[in-house]
Amino acid sequence: MKSILAATFAVLATACGHAVAAEEIPYLDDRSDPAALVRSLYNAIDRQEYARAWEYFGETKPAKDFDSFAKGYEGTAKVDVATGEPSEEGAAGSIYFNLPVAIRATGKDGGQKVFAGCYTLRQVNGTIQAPPFQPMRIEKGALKPSDKDFQSALPQSCGDGPQPPKKDAALEKARKAFLAAYGEQCDDQPPGGKVLGEPSDYSIRYKPAAAAENDPDKTARLFRFFCTMGAYNESSVYYMTDEAGNVRQLQFAVPELDIRYENGDTNGKVEHMNVTGFRTVDQLVNADYDQAAYSIISHDKWRGVGDASTTGTYLFRNGEFSLVQYEVDPSYDGEVNPQTVLDYNTAP
C-alpha cells in the first residue's frame, strides 16, 4: 500500500496548472476528524510546507525519505480535495478510519489530473498516552488516476470499512516478553509519543554459513524496546527472532576493565587500562541498529559532556550478534579520545 501512495504522489508532481503563491492560501492545520486532517495535508502541500505534510503521516511514510517526498511536489501548484463519509473501527486502544477521497492536482504548467481512493487514519486513545501527545495520523493511502471528472470521482465508500492491521505474531511475542520482564521497572513515558512496549522493528536478511549458494536467504526480526532515560543516557532492551520464528531476548558481552589513574584521581592521568574479563548485560545504553553495517552500536557516556565513555559494536553474523569492537575513553579531560581495547571487526 505504501508503494501505491508513493507512486500517486510521484504522478502528482507531473500534473499541470497555473501557479498559486503559497502565501495566498489560508493556513489550515486541523486534526479534529479524518476529513479535516486530509484537507490539512493538501493545504500544507499547497503552501509548500512539506515538513508539515510529512508529519501528518504515522510510521509508514509515503516516500523513502523526506527529501524525495518534497521533491515530488516541485511541479505541483494546487490540489483540490473532496472527501466522503468515513467509516471507523476500534482496535487495541486505537480507532481506525477509512475515508473516501478524490483530488484534482493542478500543476504549474496548466494541466490537471484527478485521483480517487481511500485513506486509512489512526487515532490512539488519548487516555492511555503519555506526553508528548500523539494526534490523529495517516496510516496509509491508495489513490489511483481516475478518468472521471473531479465532481464525480469521489468513491461512495471504502469497501467494508477500515481493517485494523493483522496481528504480528513475532511482534506480539516480543512485546509480551518485554512487558512481563520490564513493564514495572522501565519508564512509562518513552520518547516520541510512543507507549511502553512499542518497539522499533528491523528486518535482517542473511544467508546462514552452512547454506548452499542457491538456498534462499533467511530473515531475522530485531526489536528494540525503550526502557529508561536519564539526563544524557537512554537504555534499550533487544529481542530477536530465530530461524524457527521463536523470540528471545538478546544478552550482550561487555569487557570488565581495570583502569588505574595517577594518584587514584579519576580526573588525573590514566596510568594503565586492562581488560580483565567479560560479563553480559541485558540492556544497552544509547544504542541503535545500523542497517547498513549490520551492527548494534552502543555509546555509554560517563558524564554529560561525553569526554569519558565506552562504545561497543555488536556485529550480526550468521543469525547472532557478537561483540567485535570496544572503545574506551577513560579520561575526564574534556577531550574525546577513545582507545580501542578490543577489535575483531570483520564483514558479515
C-alpha atoms as a PDB file:
ATOM      1  CA  MET A   1       0.000   0.000   0.000  1.00  0.00           C
ATOM      2  CA  LYS A   2       2.876   2.331   0.756  1.00  0.00           C
ATOM      3  CA  SER A   3       4.247   1.941  -2.767  1.00  0.00           C
ATOM      4  CA  ILE A   4       0.854   2.814  -4.293  1.00  0.00           C
ATOM      5  CA  LEU A   5       0.668   6.021  -2.296  1.00  0.00           C
ATOM      6  CA  ALA A   6       4.253   6.939  -3.137  1.00  0.00           C
ATOM      7  CA  ALA A   7       3.518   6.369  -6.814  1.00  0.00           C
ATOM      8  CA  THR A   8       0.440   8.582  -6.575  1.00  0.00           C
ATOM      9  CA  PHE A   9       2.487  11.409  -5.088  1.00  0.00           C
ATOM     10  CA  ALA A  10       5.092  10.998  -7.814  1.00  0.00           C
ATOM     11  CA  VAL A  11       2.413  11.370 -10.516  1.00  0.00           C
ATOM     12  CA  LEU A  12       1.033  14.433  -8.749  1.00  0.00           C
ATOM     13  CA  ALA A  13       4.364  16.126  -9.296  1.00  0.00           C
ATOM     14  CA  THR A  14       3.840  15.940 -13.071  1.00  0.00           C
ATOM     15  CA  ALA A  15       0.277  17.283 -13.075  1.00  0.00           C
ATOM     16  CA  CYS A  16      -0.129  20.690 -14.781  1.00  0.00           C
ATOM     17  CA  GLY A  17      -1.789  24.050 -13.970  1.00  0.00           C
ATOM     18  CA  HIS A  18      -1.464  27.727 -13.001  1.00  0.00           C
ATOM     19  CA  ALA A  19       0.779  28.657 -10.064  1.00  0.00           C
ATOM     20  CA  VAL A  20      -0.723  29.880  -6.785  1.00  0.00           C
ATOM     21  CA  ALA A  21       1.552  31.673  -4.333  1.00  0.00           C
ATOM     22  CA  ALA A  22       1.823  29.799  -1.031  1.00  0.00           C
ATOM     23  CA  GLU A  23       1.251  32.962   0.992  1.00  0.00           C
ATOM     24  CA  GLU A  24      -2.158  33.475  -0.675  1.00  0.00           C
ATOM     25  CA  ILE A  25      -3.524  30.170   0.645  1.00  0.00           C
ATOM     26  CA  PRO A  26      -5.008  30.377   4.176  1.00  0.00           C
ATOM     27  CA  TYR A  27      -3.252  28.141   6.706  1.00  0.00           C
ATOM     28  CA  LEU A  28      -5.166  25.027   7.826  1.00  0.00           C
ATOM     29  CA  ASP A  29      -3.928  22.593  10.490  1.00  0.00           C
ATOM     30  CA  ASP A  30      -6.905  20.629  11.805  1.00  0.00           C
ATOM     31  CA  ARG A  31      -6.820  17.061  13.129  1.00  0.00           C
ATOM     32  CA  SER A  32     -10.270  17.087  14.680  1.00  0.00           C
ATOM     33  CA  ASP A  33     -11.614  14.480  12.246  1.00  0.00           C
ATOM     34  CA  PRO A  34     -10.313  12.389   9.305  1.00  0.00           C
ATOM     35  CA  ALA A  35     -11.578  14.738   6.590  1.00  0.00           C
ATOM     36  CA  ALA A  36     -10.042  17.782   8.287  1.00  0.00           C
ATOM     37  CA  LEU A  37      -6.701  16.003   8.566  1.00  0.00           C
ATOM     38  CA  VAL A  38      -6.629  15.065   4.865  1.00  0.00           C
ATOM     39  CA  ARG A  39      -7.580  18.635   3.911  1.00  0.00           C
ATOM     40  CA  SER A  40      -4.764  19.870   6.158  1.00  0.00           C
ATOM     41  CA  LEU A  41      -2.334  17.537   4.390  1.00  0.00           C
ATOM     42  CA  TYR A  42      -3.077  19.058   0.999  1.00  0.00           C
ATOM     43  CA  ASN A  43      -3.184  22.562   2.474  1.00  0.00           C
ATOM     44  CA  ALA A  44       0.409  22.013   3.611  1.00  0.00           C
ATOM     45  CA  ILE A  45       1.317  20.819   0.109  1.00  0.00           C
ATOM     46  CA  ASP A  46      -0.387  23.833  -1.465  1.00  0.00           C
ATOM     47  CA  ARG A  47       1.604  26.121   0.828  1.00  0.00           C
ATOM     48  CA  GLN A  48       4.829  24.192   0.117  1.00  0.00           C
ATOM     49  CA  GLU A  49       5.127  23.334   3.818  1.00  0.00           C
ATOM     50  CA  TYR A  50       6.340  19.851   3.104  1.00  0.00           C
ATOM     51  CA  ALA A  51       7.688  19.149   6.586  1.00  0.00           C
ATOM     52  CA  ARG A  52       4.191  19.718   7.981  1.00  0.00           C
ATOM     53  CA  ALA A  53       2.697  17.465   5.294  1.00  0.00           C
ATOM     54  CA  TRP A  54       5.282  14.754   6.091  1.00  0.00           C
ATOM     55  CA  GLU A  55       4.397  14.803   9.788  1.00  0.00           C
ATOM     56  CA  TYR A  56       0.720  14.092   9.123  1.00  0.00           C
ATOM     57  CA  PHE A  57       1.778  10.524   8.355  1.00  0.00           C
ATOM     58  CA  GLY A  58       2.484   7.929  11.025  1.00  0.00           C
ATOM     59  CA  GLU A  59       5.402   5.499  10.994  1.00  0.00           C
ATOM     60  CA  THR A  60       4.617   4.400   7.421  1.00  0.00           C
ATOM     61  CA  LYS A  61       5.709   7.331   5.289  1.00  0.00           C
ATOM     62  CA  PRO A  62       4.624   7.979   1.672  1.00  0.00           C
ATOM     63  CA  ALA A  63       8.209   8.095   0.349  1.00  0.00           C
ATOM     64  CA  LYS A  64      11.585   6.586   1.213  1.00  0.00           C
ATOM     65  CA  ASP A  65      12.741   9.833   2.829  1.00  0.00           C
ATOM     66  CA  PHE A  66      11.660  13.445   3.320  1.00  0.00           C
ATOM     67  CA  ASP A  67      13.813  14.882   0.525  1.00  0.00           C
ATOM     68  CA  SER A  68      12.218  12.545  -2.029  1.00  0.00           C
ATOM     69  CA  PHE A  69       8.770  13.431  -0.712  1.00  0.00           C
ATOM     70  CA  ALA A  70       9.363  17.189  -1.008  1.00  0.00           C
ATOM     71  CA  LYS A  71      10.990  16.927  -4.430  1.00  0.00           C
ATOM     72  CA  GLY A  72       7.946  15.060  -5.708  1.00  0.00           C
ATOM     73  CA  TYR A  73       5.888  18.240  -5.445  1.00  0.00           C
ATOM     74  CA  GLU A  74       8.168  20.601  -7.343  1.00  0.00           C
ATOM     75  CA  GLY A  75       5.725  20.684 -10.269  1.00  0.00           C
ATOM     76  CA  THR A  76       2.526  20.919  -8.210  1.00  0.00           C
ATOM     77  CA  ALA A  77       0.805  24.282  -7.815  1.00  0.00           C
ATOM     78  CA  LYS A  78      -2.511  23.386  -6.165  1.00  0.00           C
ATOM     79  CA  VAL A  79      -4.574  20.393  -5.036  1.00  0.00           C
ATOM     80  CA  ASP A  80      -8.368  20.456  -4.620  1.00  0.00           C
ATOM     81  CA  VAL A  81      -9.789  17.851  -2.235  1.00  0.00           C
ATOM     82  CA  ALA A  82     -13.198  16.213  -1.839  1.00  0.00           C
ATOM     83  CA  THR A  83     -13.938  13.767   0.996  1.00  0.00           C
ATOM     84  CA  GLY A  84     -16.792  11.382   1.736  1.00  0.00           C
ATOM     85  CA  GLU A  85     -18.200   9.853   4.908  1.00  0.00           C
ATOM     86  CA  PRO A  86     -15.591   7.996   6.962  1.00  0.00           C
ATOM     87  CA  SER A  87     -16.161   4.556   8.442  1.00  0.00           C
ATOM     88  CA  GLU A  88     -14.473   3.554  11.674  1.00  0.00           C
ATOM     89  CA  GLU A  89     -13.481   0.553  13.751  1.00  0.00           C
ATOM     90  CA  GLY A  90     -11.766   0.258  17.111  1.00  0.00           C
ATOM     91  CA  ALA A  91      -8.774  -1.998  17.792  1.00  0.00           C
ATOM     92  CA  ALA A  92      -6.202  -2.258  20.614  1.00  0.00           C
ATOM     93  CA  GLY A  93      -6.563   1.238  22.068  1.00  0.00           C
ATOM     94  CA  SER A  94      -6.980   2.944  18.687  1.00  0.00           C
ATOM     95  CA  ILE A  95      -9.734   3.975  16.288  1.00  0.00           C
ATOM     96  CA  TYR A  96      -9.095   3.363  12.589  1.00  0.00           C
ATOM     97  CA  PHE A  97     -10.914   5.422   9.968  1.00  0.00           C
ATOM     98  CA  ASN A  98     -11.327   4.786   6.237  1.00  0.00           C
ATOM     99  CA  LEU A  99     -12.027   7.976   4.314  1.00  0.00           C
ATOM    100  CA  PRO A 100     -13.098   8.193   0.628  1.00  0.00           C
ATOM    101  CA  VAL A 101     -11.028  10.885  -1.107  1.00  0.00           C
ATOM    102  CA  ALA A 102     -10.847  12.480  -4.552  1.00  0.00           C
ATOM    103  CA  ILE A 103      -8.274  15.086  -5.517  1.00  0.00           C
ATOM    104  CA  ARG A 104      -7.658  17.297  -8.511  1.00  0.00           C
ATOM    105  CA  ALA A 105      -3.976  18.125  -8.932  1.00  0.00           C
ATOM    106  CA  THR A 106      -3.125  21.331 -10.735  1.00  0.00           C
ATOM    107  CA  GLY A 107       0.456  21.745 -11.871  1.00  0.00           C
ATOM    108  CA  LYS A 108       2.494  24.806 -12.712  1.00  0.00           C
ATOM    109  CA  ASP A 109       2.113  24.447 -16.471  1.00  0.00           C
ATOM    110  CA  GLY A 110      -1.685  24.389 -16.742  1.00  0.00           C
ATOM    111  CA  GLY A 111      -2.881  20.775 -16.795  1.00  0.00           C
ATOM    112  CA  GLN A 112      -4.988  18.870 -14.291  1.00  0.00           C
ATOM    113  CA  LYS A 113      -5.279  15.253 -13.202  1.00  0.00           C
ATOM    114  CA  VAL A 114      -7.858  13.542 -10.988  1.00  0.00           C
ATOM    115  CA  PHE A 115      -7.117  10.779  -8.475  1.00  0.00           C
ATOM    116  CA  ALA A 116      -9.501   8.870  -6.223  1.00  0.00           C
ATOM    117  CA  GLY A 117      -9.323   6.245  -3.497  1.00  0.00           C
ATOM    118  CA  CYS A 118      -9.182   5.933   0.264  1.00  0.00           C
ATOM    119  CA  TYR A 119      -7.037   6.983   3.211  1.00  0.00           C
ATOM    120  CA  THR A 120      -6.749   4.987   6.432  1.00  0.00           C
ATOM    121  CA  LEU A 121      -6.150   7.108   9.538  1.00  0.00           C
ATOM    122  CA  ARG A 122      -5.475   6.181  13.152  1.00  0.00           C
ATOM    123  CA  GLN A 123      -6.307   7.917  16.414  1.00  0.00           C
ATOM    124  CA  VAL A 124      -4.644   6.468  19.521  1.00  0.00           C
ATOM    125  CA  ASN A 125      -6.816   6.679  22.633  1.00  0.00           C
ATOM    126  CA  GLY A 126      -5.732   9.860  24.427  1.00  0.00           C
ATOM    127  CA  THR A 127      -6.360   8.420  27.893  1.00  0.00           C
ATOM    128  CA  ILE A 128      -3.574   5.832  27.537  1.00  0.00           C
ATOM    129  CA  GLN A 129      -0.979   8.218  26.118  1.00  0.00           C
ATOM    130  CA  ALA A 130       1.860   9.919  27.944  1.00  0.00           C
ATOM    131  CA  PRO A 131       3.487  13.172  26.768  1.00  0.00           C
ATOM    132  CA  PRO A 132       4.201  14.073  24.070  1.00  0.00           C
ATOM    133  CA  PHE A 133       0.619  13.552  22.844  1.00  0.00           C
ATOM    134  CA  GLN A 134       0.271  11.710  19.529  1.00  0.00           C
ATOM    135  CA  PRO A 135      -2.577  13.215  17.448  1.00  0.00           C
ATOM    136  CA  MET A 136      -4.515  11.514  14.668  1.00  0.00           C
ATOM    137  CA  ARG A 137      -2.244  10.467  11.805  1.00  0.00           C
ATOM    138  CA  ILE A 138      -2.478   8.966   8.341  1.00  0.00           C
ATOM    139  CA  GLU A 139      -1.550   5.284   8.323  1.00  0.00           C
ATOM    140  CA  LYS A 140      -1.775   4.575   4.605  1.00  0.00           C
ATOM    141  CA  GLY A 141      -3.499   5.648   1.414  1.00  0.00           C
ATOM    142  CA  ALA A 142      -4.297   4.377  -2.059  1.00  0.00           C
ATOM    143  CA  LEU A 143      -5.251   6.935  -4.705  1.00  0.00           C
ATOM    144  CA  LYS A 144      -5.342   5.927  -8.363  1.00  0.00           C
ATOM    145  CA  PRO A 145      -5.781   8.015 -11.535  1.00  0.00           C
ATOM    146  CA  SER A 146      -9.457   8.450 -12.426  1.00  0.00           C
ATOM    147  CA  ASP A 147     -10.986   9.094 -15.843  1.00  0.00           C
ATOM    148  CA  LYS A 148     -13.988  10.766 -14.191  1.00  0.00           C
ATOM    149  CA  ASP A 149     -14.310  14.474 -13.603  1.00  0.00           C
ATOM    150  CA  PHE A 150     -13.441  15.777 -10.154  1.00  0.00           C
ATOM    151  CA  GLN A 151     -17.057  16.164  -9.013  1.00  0.00           C
ATOM    152  CA  SER A 152     -17.987  12.537  -9.737  1.00  0.00           C
ATOM    153  CA  ALA A 153     -14.702  10.769  -8.946  1.00  0.00           C
ATOM    154  CA  LEU A 154     -15.255  10.566  -5.175  1.00  0.00           C
ATOM    155  CA  PRO A 155     -15.827   6.903  -4.101  1.00  0.00           C
ATOM    156  CA  GLN A 156     -19.117   6.195  -2.376  1.00  0.00           C
ATOM    157  CA  SER A 157     -17.378   4.158   0.326  1.00  0.00           C
ATOM    158  CA  CYS A 158     -14.172   2.313   1.174  1.00  0.00           C
ATOM    159  CA  GLY A 159     -15.298  -1.298   0.994  1.00  0.00           C
ATOM    160  CA  ASP A 160     -16.247  -2.849   4.299  1.00  0.00           C
ATOM    161  CA  GLY A 161     -14.536  -0.204   6.369  1.00  0.00           C
ATOM    162  CA  PRO A 162     -11.040   0.037   7.828  1.00  0.00           C
ATOM    163  CA  GLN A 163      -9.258  -3.195   8.540  1.00  0.00           C
ATOM    164  CA  PRO A 164      -7.033  -2.998  11.612  1.00  0.00           C
ATOM    165  CA  PRO A 165      -3.563  -4.400  10.959  1.00  0.00           C
ATOM    166  CA  LYS A 166      -3.292  -8.169  11.210  1.00  0.00           C
ATOM    167  CA  LYS A 167      -1.647  -9.368  14.377  1.00  0.00           C
ATOM    168  CA  ASP A 168       2.099  -9.749  14.037  1.00  0.00           C
ATOM    169  CA  ALA A 169       2.854 -12.953  15.948  1.00  0.00           C
ATOM    170  CA  ALA A 170       6.580 -12.263  16.400  1.00  0.00           C
ATOM    171  CA  LEU A 171       5.979  -8.691  17.499  1.00  0.00           C
ATOM    172  CA  GLU A 172       3.287  -9.763  19.964  1.00  0.00           C
ATOM    173  CA  LYS A 173       5.593 -12.417  21.453  1.00  0.00           C
ATOM    174  CA  ALA A 174       8.403  -9.886  21.869  1.00  0.00           C
ATOM    175  CA  ARG A 175       6.096  -7.265  23.361  1.00  0.00           C
ATOM    176  CA  LYS A 176       4.574  -9.745  25.800  1.00  0.00           C
ATOM    177  CA  ALA A 177       8.011 -10.958  26.918  1.00  0.00           C
ATOM    178  CA  PHE A 178       9.321  -7.400  27.336  1.00  0.00           C
ATOM    179  CA  LEU A 179       6.336  -6.165  29.341  1.00  0.00           C
ATOM    180  CA  ALA A 180       6.425  -9.251  31.581  1.00  0.00           C
ATOM    181  CA  ALA A 181      10.121  -8.764  32.366  1.00  0.00           C
ATOM    182  CA  TYR A 182      10.466  -4.962  32.300  1.00  0.00           C
ATOM    183  CA  GLY A 183       6.984  -3.442  32.423  1.00  0.00           C
ATOM    184  CA  GLU A 184       7.338  -2.369  36.044  1.00  0.00           C
ATOM    185  CA  GLN A 185      10.984  -1.269  36.010  1.00  0.00           C
ATOM    186  CA  CYS A 186      11.139   0.750  32.769  1.00  0.00           C
ATOM    187  CA  ASP A 187       9.911   4.333  32.404  1.00  0.00           C
ATOM    188  CA  ASP A 188       6.264   4.520  31.343  1.00  0.00           C
ATOM    189  CA  GLN A 189       6.836   7.566  29.101  1.00  0.00           C
ATOM    190  CA  PRO A 190       9.018   6.647  26.101  1.00  0.00           C
ATOM    191  CA  PRO A 191      10.157   9.499  23.818  1.00  0.00           C
ATOM    192  CA  GLY A 192       8.436  10.257  20.519  1.00  0.00           C
ATOM    193  CA  GLY A 193       4.893   9.833  21.811  1.00  0.00           C
ATOM    194  CA  LYS A 194       5.110   6.029  21.867  1.00  0.00           C
ATOM    195  CA  VAL A 195       3.638   3.863  24.589  1.00  0.00           C
ATOM    196  CA  LEU A 196       5.742   1.454  26.636  1.00  0.00           C
ATOM    197  CA  GLY A 197       6.190  -1.799  24.738  1.00  0.00           C
ATOM    198  CA  GLU A 198       6.021  -0.256  21.253  1.00  0.00           C
ATOM    199  CA  PRO A 199       9.397  -1.171  19.711  1.00  0.00           C
ATOM    200  CA  SER A 200      11.470  -0.144  16.748  1.00  0.00           C
ATOM    201  CA  ASP A 201      11.376  -3.071  14.317  1.00  0.00           C
ATOM    202  CA  TYR A 202      14.065  -4.142  11.847  1.00  0.00           C
ATOM    203  CA  SER A 203      14.226  -6.994   9.310  1.00  0.00           C
ATOM    204  CA  ILE A 204      17.654  -8.535   8.668  1.00  0.00           C
ATOM    205  CA  ARG A 205      18.156 -10.730   5.603  1.00  0.00           C
ATOM    206  CA  TYR A 206      21.118 -13.095   5.707  1.00  0.00           C
ATOM    207  CA  LYS A 207      22.414 -16.428   4.445  1.00  0.00           C
ATOM    208  CA  PRO A 208      23.498 -18.943   7.118  1.00  0.00           C
ATOM    209  CA  ALA A 209      27.101 -20.088   6.948  1.00  0.00           C
ATOM    210  CA  ALA A 210      26.069 -23.685   6.180  1.00  0.00           C
ATOM    211  CA  ALA A 211      23.639 -22.700   3.401  1.00  0.00           C
ATOM    212  CA  ALA A 212      24.253 -23.646  -0.213  1.00  0.00           C
ATOM    213  CA  GLU A 213      24.694 -20.886  -2.776  1.00  0.00           C
ATOM    214  CA  ASN A 214      21.183 -21.402  -4.197  1.00  0.00           C
ATOM    215  CA  ASP A 215      19.446 -21.648  -0.823  1.00  0.00           C
ATOM    216  CA  PRO A 216      17.056 -18.767  -0.075  1.00  0.00           C
ATOM    217  CA  ASP A 217      18.054 -16.051   2.376  1.00  0.00           C
ATOM    218  CA  LYS A 218      16.800 -16.166   5.947  1.00  0.00           C
ATOM    219  CA  THR A 219      15.110 -13.211   7.632  1.00  0.00           C
ATOM    220  CA  ALA A 220      15.534 -12.286  11.284  1.00  0.00           C
ATOM    221  CA  ARG A 221      13.449  -9.679  13.100  1.00  0.00           C
ATOM    222  CA  LEU A 222      15.095  -7.351  15.603  1.00  0.00           C
ATOM    223  CA  PHE A 223      13.009  -5.414  18.138  1.00  0.00           C
ATOM    224  CA  ARG A 224      14.412  -2.535  20.194  1.00  0.00           C
ATOM    225  CA  PHE A 225      12.350  -1.544  23.257  1.00  0.00           C
ATOM    226  CA  PHE A 226      12.955   1.714  25.107  1.00  0.00           C
ATOM    227  CA  CYS A 227      13.452   1.195  28.848  1.00  0.00           C
ATOM    228  CA  THR A 228      14.841   4.210  30.739  1.00  0.00           C
ATOM    229  CA  MET A 229      16.079   7.718  30.077  1.00  0.00           C
ATOM    230  CA  GLY A 230      18.379   9.825  32.226  1.00  0.00           C
ATOM    231  CA  ALA A 231      19.989  13.202  31.734  1.00  0.00           C
ATOM    232  CA  TYR A 232      22.234  12.026  28.887  1.00  0.00           C
ATOM    233  CA  ASN A 233      21.827   8.247  28.587  1.00  0.00           C
ATOM    234  CA  GLU A 234      18.949   6.093  27.359  1.00  0.00           C
ATOM    235  CA  SER A 235      18.757   2.327  27.814  1.00  0.00           C
ATOM    236  CA  SER A 236      17.142  -0.216  25.477  1.00  0.00           C
ATOM    237  CA  VAL A 237      16.265  -3.898  25.571  1.00  0.00           C
ATOM    238  CA  TYR A 238      16.538  -6.050  22.437  1.00  0.00           C
ATOM    239  CA  TYR A 239      14.632  -9.136  21.288  1.00  0.00           C
ATOM    240  CA  MET A 240      15.178 -11.130  18.093  1.00  0.00           C
ATOM    241  CA  THR A 241      13.532 -13.965  16.188  1.00  0.00           C
ATOM    242  CA  ASP A 242      15.471 -17.097  15.281  1.00  0.00           C
ATOM    243  CA  GLU A 243      15.215 -19.318  12.182  1.00  0.00           C
ATOM    244  CA  ALA A 244      12.245 -21.181  13.686  1.00  0.00           C
ATOM    245  CA  GLY A 245      10.354 -17.956  14.381  1.00  0.00           C
ATOM    246  CA  ASN A 246      10.902 -18.103  18.155  1.00  0.00           C
ATOM    247  CA  VAL A 247      11.557 -14.841  20.010  1.00  0.00           C
ATOM    248  CA  ARG A 248      14.356 -14.470  22.537  1.00  0.00           C
ATOM    249  CA  GLN A 249      15.955 -11.623  24.432  1.00  0.00           C
ATOM    250  CA  LEU A 250      19.493 -10.661  23.453  1.00  0.00           C
ATOM    251  CA  GLN A 251      22.296 -10.541  26.001  1.00  0.00           C
ATOM    252  CA  PHE A 252      25.433  -8.548  25.228  1.00  0.00           C
ATOM    253  CA  ALA A 253      29.050  -9.180  26.199  1.00  0.00           C
ATOM    254  CA  VAL A 254      30.855  -6.271  27.881  1.00  0.00           C
ATOM    255  CA  PRO A 255      34.555  -6.213  28.877  1.00  0.00           C
ATOM    256  CA  GLU A 256      35.452  -5.853  32.545  1.00  0.00           C
ATOM    257  CA  LEU A 257      38.026  -3.073  32.839  1.00  0.00           C
ATOM    258  CA  ASP A 258      40.820  -2.408  35.314  1.00  0.00           C
ATOM    259  CA  ILE A 259      41.574   1.316  34.991  1.00  0.00           C
ATOM    260  CA  ARG A 260      44.249   2.927  37.168  1.00  0.00           C
ATOM    261  CA  TYR A 261      44.607   6.699  37.496  1.00  0.00           C
ATOM    262  CA  GLU A 262      47.638   8.631  38.663  1.00  0.00           C
ATOM    263  CA  ASN A 263      47.359   9.202  42.428  1.00  0.00           C
ATOM    264  CA  GLY A 264      43.977   7.447  42.336  1.00  0.00           C
ATOM    265  CA  ASP A 265      42.339  10.597  40.980  1.00  0.00           C
ATOM    266  CA  THR A 266      39.827   9.878  38.196  1.00  0.00           C
ATOM    267  CA  ASN A 267      40.404  13.397  36.905  1.00  0.00           C
ATOM    268  CA  GLY A 268      44.098  12.705  36.581  1.00  0.00           C
ATOM    269  CA  LYS A 269      46.227  10.907  34.004  1.00  0.00           C
ATOM    270  CA  VAL A 270      45.391   7.285  33.144  1.00  0.00           C
ATOM    271  CA  GLU A 271      48.324   5.075  34.142  1.00  0.00           C
ATOM    272  CA  HIS A 272      47.034   1.884  32.542  1.00  0.00           C
ATOM    273  CA  MET A 273      43.840   0.177  31.370  1.00  0.00           C
ATOM    274  CA  ASN A 274      43.415  -3.596  31.023  1.00  0.00           C
ATOM    275  CA  VAL A 275      40.590  -5.966  30.115  1.00  0.00           C
ATOM    276  CA  THR A 276      40.290  -8.463  32.974  1.00  0.00           C
ATOM    277  CA  GLY A 277      37.320 -10.486  31.750  1.00  0.00           C
ATOM    278  CA  PHE A 278      33.807 -10.264  30.352  1.00  0.00           C
ATOM    279  CA  ARG A 279      30.257 -10.097  31.654  1.00  0.00           C
ATOM    280  CA  THR A 280      26.854  -9.954  29.974  1.00  0.00           C
ATOM    281  CA  VAL A 281      24.226  -7.237  30.220  1.00  0.00           C
ATOM    282  CA  ASP A 282      20.564  -7.277  29.248  1.00  0.00           C
ATOM    283  CA  GLN A 283      20.387  -3.579  28.294  1.00  0.00           C
ATOM    284  CA  LEU A 284      22.474  -1.310  26.081  1.00  0.00           C
ATOM    285  CA  VAL A 285      22.960   2.429  26.515  1.00  0.00           C
ATOM    286  CA  ASN A 286      22.321   4.948  23.719  1.00  0.00           C
ATOM    287  CA  ALA A 287      22.146   2.040  21.289  1.00  0.00           C
ATOM    288  CA  ASP A 288      20.635   1.696  17.847  1.00  0.00           C
ATOM    289  CA  TYR A 289      20.809  -0.703  14.917  1.00  0.00           C
ATOM    290  CA  ASP A 290      22.815   0.421  11.879  1.00  0.00           C
ATOM    291  CA  GLN A 291      21.124  -1.379   8.976  1.00  0.00           C
ATOM    292  CA  ALA A 292      23.934  -0.615   6.523  1.00  0.00           C
ATOM    293  CA  ALA A 293      26.623  -2.018   8.845  1.00  0.00           C
ATOM    294  CA  TYR A 294      24.548  -4.916  10.262  1.00  0.00           C
ATOM    295  CA  SER A 295      25.549  -3.670  13.697  1.00  0.00           C
ATOM    296  CA  ILE A 296      24.102  -2.559  17.005  1.00  0.00           C
ATOM    297  CA  ILE A 297      26.254   0.267  18.336  1.00  0.00           C
ATOM    298  CA  SER A 298      26.084   1.332  21.978  1.00  0.00           C
ATOM    299  CA  HIS A 299      27.624   4.537  23.347  1.00  0.00           C
ATOM    300  CA  ASP A 300      27.603   4.960  27.125  1.00  0.00           C
ATOM    301  CA  LYS A 301      28.525   8.441  28.331  1.00  0.00           C
ATOM    302  CA  TRP A 302      30.129   8.546  31.763  1.00  0.00           C
ATOM    303  CA  ARG A 303      29.123  12.172  32.109  1.00  0.00           C
ATOM    304  CA  GLY A 304      27.142  14.691  30.108  1.00  0.00           C
ATOM    305  CA  VAL A 305      29.963  16.310  28.147  1.00  0.00           C
ATOM    306  CA  GLY A 306      30.828  12.899  26.712  1.00  0.00           C
ATOM    307  CA  ASP A 307      34.601  13.149  27.186  1.00  0.00           C
ATOM    308  CA  ALA A 308      34.622   9.839  29.087  1.00  0.00           C
ATOM    309  CA  SER A 309      32.650   6.946  27.626  1.00  0.00           C
ATOM    310  CA  THR A 310      32.535   3.427  26.239  1.00  0.00           C
ATOM    311  CA  THR A 311      31.399   2.367  22.763  1.00  0.00           C
ATOM    312  CA  GLY A 312      30.568  -1.221  21.846  1.00  0.00           C
ATOM    313  CA  THR A 313      29.879  -2.579  18.359  1.00  0.00           C
ATOM    314  CA  TYR A 314      27.905  -5.816  18.029  1.00  0.00           C
ATOM    315  CA  LEU A 315      28.013  -7.290  14.519  1.00  0.00           C
ATOM    316  CA  PHE A 316      25.288  -9.554  13.103  1.00  0.00           C
ATOM    317  CA  ARG A 317      26.800 -12.725  11.653  1.00  0.00           C
ATOM    318  CA  ASN A 318      25.041 -15.992  10.844  1.00  0.00           C
ATOM    319  CA  GLY A 319      21.974 -15.168  12.898  1.00  0.00           C
ATOM    320  CA  GLU A 320      23.732 -13.841  16.000  1.00  0.00           C
ATOM    321  CA  PHE A 321      25.104 -10.541  17.330  1.00  0.00           C
ATOM    322  CA  SER A 322      28.704 -10.691  18.582  1.00  0.00           C
ATOM    323  CA  LEU A 323      30.884  -8.083  20.259  1.00  0.00           C
ATOM    324  CA  VAL A 324      33.551  -7.191  17.690  1.00  0.00           C
ATOM    325  CA  GLN A 325      34.860  -3.821  18.842  1.00  0.00           C
ATOM    326  CA  TYR A 326      35.039  -1.969  22.125  1.00  0.00           C
ATOM    327  CA  GLU A 327      36.416   1.509  22.672  1.00  0.00           C
ATOM    328  CA  VAL A 328      37.015   3.243  25.983  1.00  0.00           C
ATOM    329  CA  ASP A 329      37.717   6.875  26.749  1.00  0.00           C
ATOM    330  CA  PRO A 330      38.625   6.666  30.461  1.00  0.00           C
ATOM    331  CA  SER A 331      39.934  10.206  30.968  1.00  0.00           C
ATOM    332  CA  TYR A 332      37.808  13.094  32.215  1.00  0.00           C
ATOM    333  CA  ASP A 333      39.964  15.590  30.347  1.00  0.00           C
ATOM    334  CA  GLY A 334      37.358  17.462  28.300  1.00  0.00           C
ATOM    335  CA  GLU A 335      38.504  15.772  25.072  1.00  0.00           C
ATOM    336  CA  VAL A 336      37.051  12.872  23.112  1.00  0.00           C
ATOM    337  CA  ASN A 337      39.999  10.476  22.632  1.00  0.00           C
ATOM    338  CA  PRO A 338      38.854   6.855  22.931  1.00  0.00           C
ATOM    339  CA  GLN A 339      41.216   3.866  22.893  1.00  0.00           C
ATOM    340  CA  THR A 340      40.334   0.570  21.230  1.00  0.00           C
ATOM    341  CA  VAL A 341      40.643  -2.249  23.774  1.00  0.00           C
ATOM    342  CA  LEU A 342      39.070  -4.981  21.602  1.00  0.00           C
ATOM    343  CA  ASP A 343      38.872  -5.261  17.801  1.00  0.00           C
ATOM    344  CA  TYR A 344      37.527  -8.304  15.955  1.00  0.00           C
ATOM    345  CA  ASN A 345      35.551  -6.212  13.473  1.00  0.00           C
ATOM    346  CA  THR A 346      35.097  -8.065  10.175  1.00  0.00           C
ATOM    347  CA  ALA A 347      32.473  -8.041   7.414  1.00  0.00           C
ATOM    348  CA  PRO A 348      29.289 -10.124   7.954  1.00  0.00           C
END
